[in-house]
C-alpha atoms as a PDB file:
ATOM      1  CA  MET A   1      84.549 108.796 111.714  1.00  0.00           C
ATOM      2  CA  VAL A   2      85.201 112.168 110.105  1.00  0.00           C
ATOM      3  CA  ALA A   3      83.997 110.943 106.708  1.00  0.00           C
ATOM      4  CA  ASP A   4      80.799 109.602 108.267  1.00  0.00           C
ATOM      5  CA  ALA A   5      80.187 112.795 110.241  1.00  0.00           C
ATOM      6  CA  THR A   6      80.730 115.118 107.283  1.00  0.00           C
ATOM      7  CA  GLY A   7      79.098 113.046 104.554  1.00  0.00           C
ATOM      8  CA  GLY A   8      82.423 112.463 102.816  1.00  0.00           C
ATOM      9  CA  SER A   9      83.931 109.234 101.614  1.00  0.00           C
ATOM     10  CA  TYR A  10      86.867 107.237 102.972  1.00  0.00           C
ATOM     11  CA  GLU A  11      89.227 104.993 101.069  1.00  0.00           C
ATOM     12  CA  SER A  12      92.414 103.157 101.937  1.00  0.00           C
ATOM     13  CA  TYR A  13      95.177 102.058  99.577  1.00  0.00           C
ATOM     14  CA  ARG A  14      97.421  99.001  99.630  1.00  0.00           C
ATOM     15  CA  SER A  15     100.618 100.767  98.574  1.00  0.00           C
ATOM     16  CA  LEU A  16     102.400 104.068  98.143  1.00  0.00           C
ATOM     17  CA  ASP A  17     102.207 103.694  94.364  1.00  0.00           C
ATOM     18  CA  GLU A  18      98.454 103.190  94.472  1.00  0.00           C
ATOM     19  CA  ALA A  19      98.005 106.184  96.803  1.00  0.00           C
ATOM     20  CA  ARG A  20     100.039 108.452  94.494  1.00  0.00           C
ATOM     21  CA  ASP A  21      97.125 108.392  92.029  1.00  0.00           C
ATOM     22  CA  ASP A  22      94.951 110.278  94.551  1.00  0.00           C
ATOM     23  CA  ARG A  23      96.019 113.883  95.111  1.00  0.00           C
ATOM     24  CA  ASP A  24      94.230 113.922  98.487  1.00  0.00           C
ATOM     25  CA  ALA A  25      95.862 110.756  99.851  1.00  0.00           C
ATOM     26  CA  VAL A  26      97.936 110.828 103.025  1.00  0.00           C
ATOM     27  CA  VAL A  27     100.294 108.377 104.664  1.00  0.00           C
ATOM     28  CA  VAL A  28      99.704 107.762 108.358  1.00  0.00           C
ATOM     29  CA  LEU A  29     102.672 106.588 110.404  1.00  0.00           C
ATOM     30  CA  GLU A  30     101.299 105.060 113.575  1.00  0.00           C
ATOM     31  CA  GLY A  31     102.560 102.880 116.377  1.00  0.00           C
ATOM     32  CA  ASP A  32     101.205 101.018 119.372  1.00  0.00           C
ATOM     33  CA  TYR A  33      98.842  99.128 117.055  1.00  0.00           C
ATOM     34  CA  GLY A  34      97.148 102.377 116.049  1.00  0.00           C
ATOM     35  CA  GLY A  35      97.170 103.910 119.514  1.00  0.00           C
ATOM     36  CA  GLN A  36      99.814 106.527 118.691  1.00  0.00           C
ATOM     37  CA  ILE A  37     100.030 108.656 115.545  1.00  0.00           C
ATOM     38  CA  TYR A  38     103.588 109.752 114.746  1.00  0.00           C
ATOM     39  CA  ALA A  39     102.882 111.665 111.537  1.00  0.00           C
ATOM     40  CA  THR A  40     100.310 112.241 108.816  1.00  0.00           C
ATOM     41  CA  ILE A  41     101.894 113.374 105.542  1.00  0.00           C
ATOM     42  CA  PRO A  42     100.328 114.192 102.172  1.00  0.00           C
ATOM     43  CA  VAL A  43     101.445 111.506  99.722  1.00  0.00           C
ATOM     44  CA  ARG A  44     102.078 114.187  97.087  1.00  0.00           C
ATOM     45  CA  ASP A  45     104.905 115.515  99.323  1.00  0.00           C
ATOM     46  CA  ILE A  46     106.652 112.143  99.745  1.00  0.00           C
ATOM     47  CA  ARG A  47     109.867 111.806  97.740  1.00  0.00           C
ATOM     48  CA  CYS A  48     111.153 108.532  99.178  1.00  0.00           C
ATOM     49  CA  SER A  49     110.463 104.854  98.596  1.00  0.00           C
ATOM     50  CA  MET A  50     108.102 102.599 100.492  1.00  0.00           C
ATOM     51  CA  ASN A  51     111.166 100.919 101.993  1.00  0.00           C
ATOM     52  CA  ALA A  52     112.378 104.263 103.349  1.00  0.00           C
ATOM     53  CA  LEU A  53     108.938 104.962 104.868  1.00  0.00           C
ATOM     54  CA  GLU A  54     108.983 101.555 106.550  1.00  0.00           C
ATOM     55  CA  ARG A  55     112.457 102.226 107.990  1.00  0.00           C
ATOM     56  CA  LEU A  56     111.346 105.669 109.206  1.00  0.00           C
ATOM     57  CA  LEU A  57     108.322 104.123 110.918  1.00  0.00           C
ATOM     58  CA  ALA A  58     110.475 101.411 112.517  1.00  0.00           C
ATOM     59  CA  GLY A  59     112.855 104.093 113.818  1.00  0.00           C
ATOM     60  CA  LEU A  60     110.017 106.198 115.239  1.00  0.00           C
ATOM     61  CA  ASP A  61     108.531 103.108 116.853  1.00  0.00           C
ATOM     62  CA  ALA A  62     111.901 102.221 118.430  1.00  0.00           C
ATOM     63  CA  ILE A  63     112.181 105.748 119.864  1.00  0.00           C
ATOM     64  CA  ALA A  64     108.609 105.785 121.181  1.00  0.00           C
ATOM     65  CA  TRP A  65     108.733 102.238 122.583  1.00  0.00           C
ATOM     66  CA  PRO A  66     112.359 101.537 123.578  1.00  0.00           C
ATOM     67  CA  GLY A  67     113.196  98.035 124.660  1.00  0.00           C
ATOM     68  CA  THR A  68     110.143  96.420 123.108  1.00  0.00           C
ATOM     69  CA  PRO A  69     110.400  93.909 120.270  1.00  0.00           C
ATOM     70  CA  PRO A  70     109.816  95.344 116.786  1.00  0.00           C
ATOM     71  CA  ARG A  71     106.149  95.130 115.824  1.00  0.00           C
ATOM     72  CA  HIS A  72     106.621  95.458 112.076  1.00  0.00           C
ATOM     73  CA  GLU A  73     104.161  98.322 111.750  1.00  0.00           C
ATOM     74  CA  THR A  74     103.426  99.364 108.169  1.00  0.00           C
ATOM     75  CA  PRO A  75     102.555 102.819 106.825  1.00  0.00           C
ATOM     76  CA  LEU A  76      98.853 103.290 106.106  1.00  0.00           C
ATOM     77  CA  PHE A  77      97.628 105.105 103.014  1.00  0.00           C
ATOM     78  CA  ARG A  78      94.233 106.786 103.208  1.00  0.00           C
ATOM     79  CA  THR A  79      92.106 109.488 101.705  1.00  0.00           C
ATOM     80  CA  THR A  80      89.056 111.308 102.902  1.00  0.00           C
ATOM     81  CA  THR A  81      87.124 113.502 100.513  1.00  0.00           C
ATOM     82  CA  HIS A  82      84.768 115.991 102.120  1.00  0.00           C
ATOM     83  CA  ARG A  83      81.683 117.179 100.291  1.00  0.00           C
END
């Protein structure tokens, strides 16, 4: 929505490695099927593996939604470039 409203462009990436090539990329850790954002972090600041990000997200999801079955959320990698 922001990209559309500002005339910018939006792109998503399939992996952390792919997102590392874009200095403006961020990782979005979200739960509740996108209904809750836990964190948005610039990819350039991430010093851990994809596996570690997945474990972090699973832990945050378990804290936010105790007693529910794991939903196997995955980190999302995105970039928005404003003009």
